[in-house]
């Protein structure tokens, strides 16, 4: 019985390539798409706050399942929160998205 549970877990694991694509979509493309969709009908701070909920939810699910944080997801969440702080201090959301993009490139180059 123990062996069958281990075999099931191995089958359920994603390949590294699939996991990276999934993480990029959930933590990068989805928040950006949500922000672009919402920013035309509400303030950019509120739209960005709502878009930040996607990486937050992904990190919470990953934390509950694996008992550790997803490094790339946590980095994305940090950059979105940093963007919200910069906007609230009077900056432009474009600066925040440049920071987010640069952090994504850095994370991908470092192999996280």
C-alpha atoms as a PDB file:
ATOM      1  CA  UNK A   1       0.000   0.000   0.000  1.00  0.00           C
ATOM      2  CA  UNK A   2       2.853   2.339   0.833  1.00  0.00           C
ATOM      3  CA  UNK A   3       4.486   1.729  -2.548  1.00  0.00           C
ATOM      4  CA  UNK A   4       1.320   2.576  -4.460  1.00  0.00           C
ATOM      5  CA  UNK A   5       1.058   5.937  -2.695  1.00  0.00           C
ATOM      6  CA  UNK A   6       4.655   6.752  -3.599  1.00  0.00           C
ATOM      7  CA  UNK A   7       4.020   5.750  -7.213  1.00  0.00           C
ATOM      8  CA  UNK A   8       0.925   7.973  -7.337  1.00  0.00           C
ATOM      9  CA  UNK A   9       2.864  10.934  -5.999  1.00  0.00           C
ATOM     10  CA  UNK A  10       5.591  10.476  -8.595  1.00  0.00           C
ATOM     11  CA  UNK A  11       2.998  10.369 -11.374  1.00  0.00           C
ATOM     12  CA  UNK A  12       1.379  13.562 -10.111  1.00  0.00           C
ATOM     13  CA  UNK A  13       4.654  15.527 -10.117  1.00  0.00           C
ATOM     14  CA  UNK A  14       5.114  17.957 -12.974  1.00  0.00           C
ATOM     15  CA  UNK A  15       8.203  17.938 -15.106  1.00  0.00           C
ATOM     16  CA  UNK A  16      10.556  20.859 -14.536  1.00  0.00           C
ATOM     17  CA  UNK A  17       9.620  22.439 -17.848  1.00  0.00           C
ATOM     18  CA  UNK A  18       5.893  22.186 -17.134  1.00  0.00           C
ATOM     19  CA  UNK A  19       6.390  23.577 -13.634  1.00  0.00           C
ATOM     20  CA  UNK A  20       8.376  26.577 -14.903  1.00  0.00           C
ATOM     21  CA  UNK A  21       5.743  27.344 -17.562  1.00  0.00           C
ATOM     22  CA  UNK A  22       2.943  26.993 -15.023  1.00  0.00           C
ATOM     23  CA  UNK A  23       4.755  29.289 -12.585  1.00  0.00           C
ATOM     24  CA  UNK A  24       5.411  31.911 -15.271  1.00  0.00           C
ATOM     25  CA  UNK A  25       1.764  31.894 -16.308  1.00  0.00           C
ATOM     26  CA  UNK A  26       0.337  32.007 -12.782  1.00  0.00           C
ATOM     27  CA  UNK A  27       2.827  34.461 -11.303  1.00  0.00           C
ATOM     28  CA  UNK A  28       3.612  36.568 -14.359  1.00  0.00           C
ATOM     29  CA  UNK A  29       1.087  36.529 -17.177  1.00  0.00           C
ATOM     30  CA  UNK A  30      -2.088  36.141 -15.120  1.00  0.00           C
ATOM     31  CA  UNK A  31      -1.427  39.152 -12.830  1.00  0.00           C
ATOM     32  CA  UNK A  32      -0.353  41.258 -15.780  1.00  0.00           C
ATOM     33  CA  UNK A  33      -3.490  40.290 -17.747  1.00  0.00           C
ATOM     34  CA  UNK A  34      -5.742  40.966 -14.768  1.00  0.00           C
ATOM     35  CA  UNK A  35      -4.095  44.344 -14.227  1.00  0.00           C
ATOM     36  CA  UNK A  36      -4.447  45.310 -17.904  1.00  0.00           C
ATOM     37  CA  UNK A  37      -8.091  44.222 -17.883  1.00  0.00           C
ATOM     38  CA  UNK A  38      -8.974  46.088 -14.675  1.00  0.00           C
ATOM     39  CA  UNK A  39      -6.890  49.271 -14.952  1.00  0.00           C
ATOM     40  CA  UNK A  40      -9.272  50.773 -17.516  1.00  0.00           C
ATOM     41  CA  UNK A  41     -12.255  50.561 -15.178  1.00  0.00           C
ATOM     42  CA  UNK A  42     -10.637  51.383 -11.802  1.00  0.00           C
ATOM     43  CA  UNK A  43      -7.569  52.998 -10.289  1.00  0.00           C
ATOM     44  CA  UNK A  44      -4.238  51.410 -11.071  1.00  0.00           C
ATOM     45  CA  UNK A  45      -3.546  50.806  -7.361  1.00  0.00           C
ATOM     46  CA  UNK A  46      -6.772  48.853  -6.912  1.00  0.00           C
ATOM     47  CA  UNK A  47      -6.203  46.914 -10.148  1.00  0.00           C
ATOM     48  CA  UNK A  48      -2.667  46.031  -9.075  1.00  0.00           C
ATOM     49  CA  UNK A  49      -3.898  45.049  -5.608  1.00  0.00           C
ATOM     50  CA  UNK A  50      -6.403  42.631  -7.130  1.00  0.00           C
ATOM     51  CA  UNK A  51      -3.794  41.252  -9.556  1.00  0.00           C
ATOM     52  CA  UNK A  52      -1.452  40.624  -6.618  1.00  0.00           C
ATOM     53  CA  UNK A  53      -3.961  38.155  -5.176  1.00  0.00           C
ATOM     54  CA  UNK A  54      -3.051  35.567  -7.848  1.00  0.00           C
ATOM     55  CA  UNK A  55       0.601  35.100  -6.800  1.00  0.00           C
ATOM     56  CA  UNK A  56      -0.472  35.322  -3.158  1.00  0.00           C
ATOM     57  CA  UNK A  57      -2.962  32.480  -3.614  1.00  0.00           C
ATOM     58  CA  UNK A  58      -0.399  30.434  -5.564  1.00  0.00           C
ATOM     59  CA  UNK A  59       2.172  30.887  -2.793  1.00  0.00           C
ATOM     60  CA  UNK A  60      -0.338  29.900  -0.129  1.00  0.00           C
ATOM     61  CA  UNK A  61      -1.299  26.736  -2.018  1.00  0.00           C
ATOM     62  CA  UNK A  62       2.361  25.862  -2.613  1.00  0.00           C
ATOM     63  CA  UNK A  63       3.145  26.494   1.062  1.00  0.00           C
ATOM     64  CA  UNK A  64       0.304  24.262   2.222  1.00  0.00           C
ATOM     65  CA  UNK A  65       1.208  21.447  -0.181  1.00  0.00           C
ATOM     66  CA  UNK A  66       4.988  21.436   0.068  1.00  0.00           C
ATOM     67  CA  UNK A  67       5.635  23.159   3.419  1.00  0.00           C
ATOM     68  CA  UNK A  68       8.007  25.610   1.722  1.00  0.00           C
ATOM     69  CA  UNK A  69       7.718  28.740  -0.389  1.00  0.00           C
ATOM     70  CA  UNK A  70       8.006  28.737  -4.157  1.00  0.00           C
ATOM     71  CA  UNK A  71      11.034  30.973  -4.712  1.00  0.00           C
ATOM     72  CA  UNK A  72       9.903  32.419  -8.052  1.00  0.00           C
ATOM     73  CA  UNK A  73       6.347  32.961  -6.804  1.00  0.00           C
ATOM     74  CA  UNK A  74       7.596  34.639  -3.637  1.00  0.00           C
ATOM     75  CA  UNK A  75       9.845  36.895  -5.717  1.00  0.00           C
ATOM     76  CA  UNK A  76       6.908  37.871  -7.928  1.00  0.00           C
ATOM     77  CA  UNK A  77       4.730  38.551  -4.896  1.00  0.00           C
ATOM     78  CA  UNK A  78       7.491  40.677  -3.366  1.00  0.00           C
ATOM     79  CA  UNK A  79       7.871  42.752  -6.529  1.00  0.00           C
ATOM     80  CA  UNK A  80       4.114  43.332  -6.794  1.00  0.00           C
ATOM     81  CA  UNK A  81       3.981  44.467  -3.161  1.00  0.00           C
ATOM     82  CA  UNK A  82       7.039  46.657  -3.771  1.00  0.00           C
ATOM     83  CA  UNK A  83       5.241  48.180  -6.759  1.00  0.00           C
ATOM     84  CA  UNK A  84       2.190  48.932  -4.600  1.00  0.00           C
ATOM     85  CA  UNK A  85       4.417  50.645  -2.038  1.00  0.00           C
ATOM     86  CA  UNK A  86       6.169  52.703  -4.728  1.00  0.00           C
ATOM     87  CA  UNK A  87       2.843  53.745  -6.254  1.00  0.00           C
ATOM     88  CA  UNK A  88       1.461  54.739  -2.865  1.00  0.00           C
ATOM     89  CA  UNK A  89       4.559  56.889  -2.328  1.00  0.00           C
ATOM     90  CA  UNK A  90       3.737  58.794  -5.513  1.00  0.00           C
ATOM     91  CA  UNK A  91       5.528  56.809  -8.191  1.00  0.00           C
ATOM     92  CA  UNK A  92       4.208  55.518 -11.478  1.00  0.00           C
ATOM     93  CA  UNK A  93       3.038  51.940 -11.908  1.00  0.00           C
ATOM     94  CA  UNK A  94       5.248  51.721 -14.998  1.00  0.00           C
ATOM     95  CA  UNK A  95       8.335  51.951 -12.786  1.00  0.00           C
ATOM     96  CA  UNK A  96       6.990  49.101 -10.689  1.00  0.00           C
ATOM     97  CA  UNK A  97       6.399  46.920 -13.720  1.00  0.00           C
ATOM     98  CA  UNK A  98       9.950  47.625 -14.896  1.00  0.00           C
ATOM     99  CA  UNK A  99      11.212  46.428 -11.510  1.00  0.00           C
ATOM    100  CA  UNK A 100       9.008  43.333 -11.758  1.00  0.00           C
ATOM    101  CA  UNK A 101      10.278  42.561 -15.265  1.00  0.00           C
ATOM    102  CA  UNK A 102      13.902  42.986 -14.235  1.00  0.00           C
ATOM    103  CA  UNK A 103      13.410  40.744 -11.192  1.00  0.00           C
ATOM    104  CA  UNK A 104      11.817  38.080 -13.416  1.00  0.00           C
ATOM    105  CA  UNK A 105      14.785  38.131 -15.780  1.00  0.00           C
ATOM    106  CA  UNK A 106      17.173  37.944 -12.834  1.00  0.00           C
ATOM    107  CA  UNK A 107      15.286  34.984 -11.316  1.00  0.00           C
ATOM    108  CA  UNK A 108      15.222  33.096 -14.615  1.00  0.00           C
ATOM    109  CA  UNK A 109      18.963  33.668 -15.153  1.00  0.00           C
ATOM    110  CA  UNK A 110      19.782  32.458 -11.641  1.00  0.00           C
ATOM    111  CA  UNK A 111      17.861  29.244 -12.297  1.00  0.00           C
ATOM    112  CA  UNK A 112      15.199  29.507  -9.615  1.00  0.00           C
END
